[in-house]
């Protein structure tokens, strides 16, 4: 039995102290891939490696009824500022 495709509204967040939106290849890839798959880009943002800023951005998207999914990329270095697991 075939099921109906339901596009998701996806927010993409890149976590980085060193990238700008124009340099963000991983976020651009995620955006392109989700659109190609038939989903909707609900939002895209870049956030510095600050656990409170990350937590605030993701929390706002979780509470937003126009966002079904949050994808994150980056924030996985080995410095003291790379605190993605602690933030989420």
C-alpha atoms as a PDB file:
ATOM      1  CA  UNK A   1       0.000   0.000   0.000  1.00  0.00           C
ATOM      2  CA  UNK A   2       1.456   3.356  -1.057  1.00  0.00           C
ATOM      3  CA  UNK A   3       1.366   6.217   1.404  1.00  0.00           C
ATOM      4  CA  UNK A   4       0.951   9.867   0.535  1.00  0.00           C
ATOM      5  CA  UNK A   5       4.115  11.986   0.658  1.00  0.00           C
ATOM      6  CA  UNK A   6       3.825  14.758   3.234  1.00  0.00           C
ATOM      7  CA  UNK A   7       6.493  17.442   2.899  1.00  0.00           C
ATOM      8  CA  UNK A   8       8.094  18.526   6.150  1.00  0.00           C
ATOM      9  CA  UNK A   9       8.906  22.128   7.075  1.00  0.00           C
ATOM     10  CA  UNK A  10      12.575  21.990   7.983  1.00  0.00           C
ATOM     11  CA  UNK A  11      14.767  24.549   9.765  1.00  0.00           C
ATOM     12  CA  UNK A  12      18.534  24.299   9.179  1.00  0.00           C
ATOM     13  CA  UNK A  13      20.975  25.632  11.757  1.00  0.00           C
ATOM     14  CA  UNK A  14      24.738  25.803  11.218  1.00  0.00           C
ATOM     15  CA  UNK A  15      26.780  26.087  14.412  1.00  0.00           C
ATOM     16  CA  UNK A  16      30.079  27.859  13.813  1.00  0.00           C
ATOM     17  CA  UNK A  17      32.304  30.675  14.989  1.00  0.00           C
ATOM     18  CA  UNK A  18      34.211  30.670  11.709  1.00  0.00           C
ATOM     19  CA  UNK A  19      31.614  30.505   8.927  1.00  0.00           C
ATOM     20  CA  UNK A  20      29.295  33.029   7.376  1.00  0.00           C
ATOM     21  CA  UNK A  21      26.063  32.078   5.636  1.00  0.00           C
ATOM     22  CA  UNK A  22      27.751  32.584   2.247  1.00  0.00           C
ATOM     23  CA  UNK A  23      30.567  30.170   3.244  1.00  0.00           C
ATOM     24  CA  UNK A  24      28.288  27.581   4.811  1.00  0.00           C
ATOM     25  CA  UNK A  25      28.623  24.610   2.463  1.00  0.00           C
ATOM     26  CA  UNK A  26      27.087  22.045   4.824  1.00  0.00           C
ATOM     27  CA  UNK A  27      24.007  24.187   5.498  1.00  0.00           C
ATOM     28  CA  UNK A  28      23.679  24.885   1.779  1.00  0.00           C
ATOM     29  CA  UNK A  29      23.877  21.150   1.080  1.00  0.00           C
ATOM     30  CA  UNK A  30      21.180  20.354   3.648  1.00  0.00           C
ATOM     31  CA  UNK A  31      18.942  23.071   2.191  1.00  0.00           C
ATOM     32  CA  UNK A  32      19.445  21.780  -1.349  1.00  0.00           C
ATOM     33  CA  UNK A  33      18.884  18.141  -0.373  1.00  0.00           C
ATOM     34  CA  UNK A  34      15.687  18.783   1.560  1.00  0.00           C
ATOM     35  CA  UNK A  35      14.241  20.929  -1.228  1.00  0.00           C
ATOM     36  CA  UNK A  36      15.183  18.302  -3.825  1.00  0.00           C
ATOM     37  CA  UNK A  37      13.396  15.685  -1.717  1.00  0.00           C
ATOM     38  CA  UNK A  38      10.229  17.795  -1.806  1.00  0.00           C
ATOM     39  CA  UNK A  39      10.361  19.302   1.659  1.00  0.00           C
ATOM     40  CA  UNK A  40      10.050  22.988   2.578  1.00  0.00           C
ATOM     41  CA  UNK A  41      12.788  25.186   4.025  1.00  0.00           C
ATOM     42  CA  UNK A  42      11.091  26.780   7.037  1.00  0.00           C
ATOM     43  CA  UNK A  43      14.192  28.715   8.120  1.00  0.00           C
ATOM     44  CA  UNK A  44      17.953  28.729   7.848  1.00  0.00           C
ATOM     45  CA  UNK A  45      20.336  30.367  10.252  1.00  0.00           C
ATOM     46  CA  UNK A  46      23.927  30.447  11.416  1.00  0.00           C
ATOM     47  CA  UNK A  47      24.693  30.574  15.125  1.00  0.00           C
ATOM     48  CA  UNK A  48      28.005  30.998  16.950  1.00  0.00           C
ATOM     49  CA  UNK A  49      29.306  28.252  19.225  1.00  0.00           C
ATOM     50  CA  UNK A  50      27.567  29.631  22.284  1.00  0.00           C
ATOM     51  CA  UNK A  51      25.428  27.146  24.192  1.00  0.00           C
ATOM     52  CA  UNK A  52      22.842  29.751  25.211  1.00  0.00           C
ATOM     53  CA  UNK A  53      22.458  31.170  21.689  1.00  0.00           C
ATOM     54  CA  UNK A  54      22.170  27.643  20.250  1.00  0.00           C
ATOM     55  CA  UNK A  55      19.637  26.633  22.879  1.00  0.00           C
ATOM     56  CA  UNK A  56      17.570  29.783  22.270  1.00  0.00           C
ATOM     57  CA  UNK A  57      17.500  29.336  18.477  1.00  0.00           C
ATOM     58  CA  UNK A  58      16.570  25.647  18.597  1.00  0.00           C
ATOM     59  CA  UNK A  59      14.007  26.209  21.371  1.00  0.00           C
ATOM     60  CA  UNK A  60      12.307  28.921  19.326  1.00  0.00           C
ATOM     61  CA  UNK A  61      12.059  26.600  16.327  1.00  0.00           C
ATOM     62  CA  UNK A  62      10.767  23.721  18.460  1.00  0.00           C
ATOM     63  CA  UNK A  63       8.007  26.013  19.746  1.00  0.00           C
ATOM     64  CA  UNK A  64       7.189  27.312  16.236  1.00  0.00           C
ATOM     65  CA  UNK A  65       4.201  25.473  14.752  1.00  0.00           C
ATOM     66  CA  UNK A  66       5.580  26.266  11.261  1.00  0.00           C
ATOM     67  CA  UNK A  67       8.669  24.082  11.883  1.00  0.00           C
ATOM     68  CA  UNK A  68       8.384  20.287  11.848  1.00  0.00           C
ATOM     69  CA  UNK A  69      12.073  19.363  11.905  1.00  0.00           C
ATOM     70  CA  UNK A  70      15.304  21.026  13.044  1.00  0.00           C
ATOM     71  CA  UNK A  71      18.553  19.936  11.379  1.00  0.00           C
ATOM     72  CA  UNK A  72      21.870  21.116  12.784  1.00  0.00           C
ATOM     73  CA  UNK A  73      25.361  20.956  11.349  1.00  0.00           C
ATOM     74  CA  UNK A  74      28.727  22.015  12.738  1.00  0.00           C
ATOM     75  CA  UNK A  75      29.692  22.787  16.308  1.00  0.00           C
ATOM     76  CA  UNK A  76      31.752  19.630  16.629  1.00  0.00           C
ATOM     77  CA  UNK A  77      35.304  20.913  17.140  1.00  0.00           C
ATOM     78  CA  UNK A  78      37.628  20.282  20.049  1.00  0.00           C
ATOM     79  CA  UNK A  79      37.827  23.717  21.644  1.00  0.00           C
ATOM     80  CA  UNK A  80      36.123  24.865  24.812  1.00  0.00           C
ATOM     81  CA  UNK A  81      33.552  26.805  22.757  1.00  0.00           C
ATOM     82  CA  UNK A  82      32.315  23.718  20.930  1.00  0.00           C
ATOM     83  CA  UNK A  83      29.454  22.919  23.298  1.00  0.00           C
ATOM     84  CA  UNK A  84      26.690  21.588  21.063  1.00  0.00           C
ATOM     85  CA  UNK A  85      25.955  18.446  23.130  1.00  0.00           C
ATOM     86  CA  UNK A  86      25.776  20.503  26.331  1.00  0.00           C
ATOM     87  CA  UNK A  87      23.485  23.048  24.676  1.00  0.00           C
ATOM     88  CA  UNK A  88      20.993  20.499  23.418  1.00  0.00           C
END
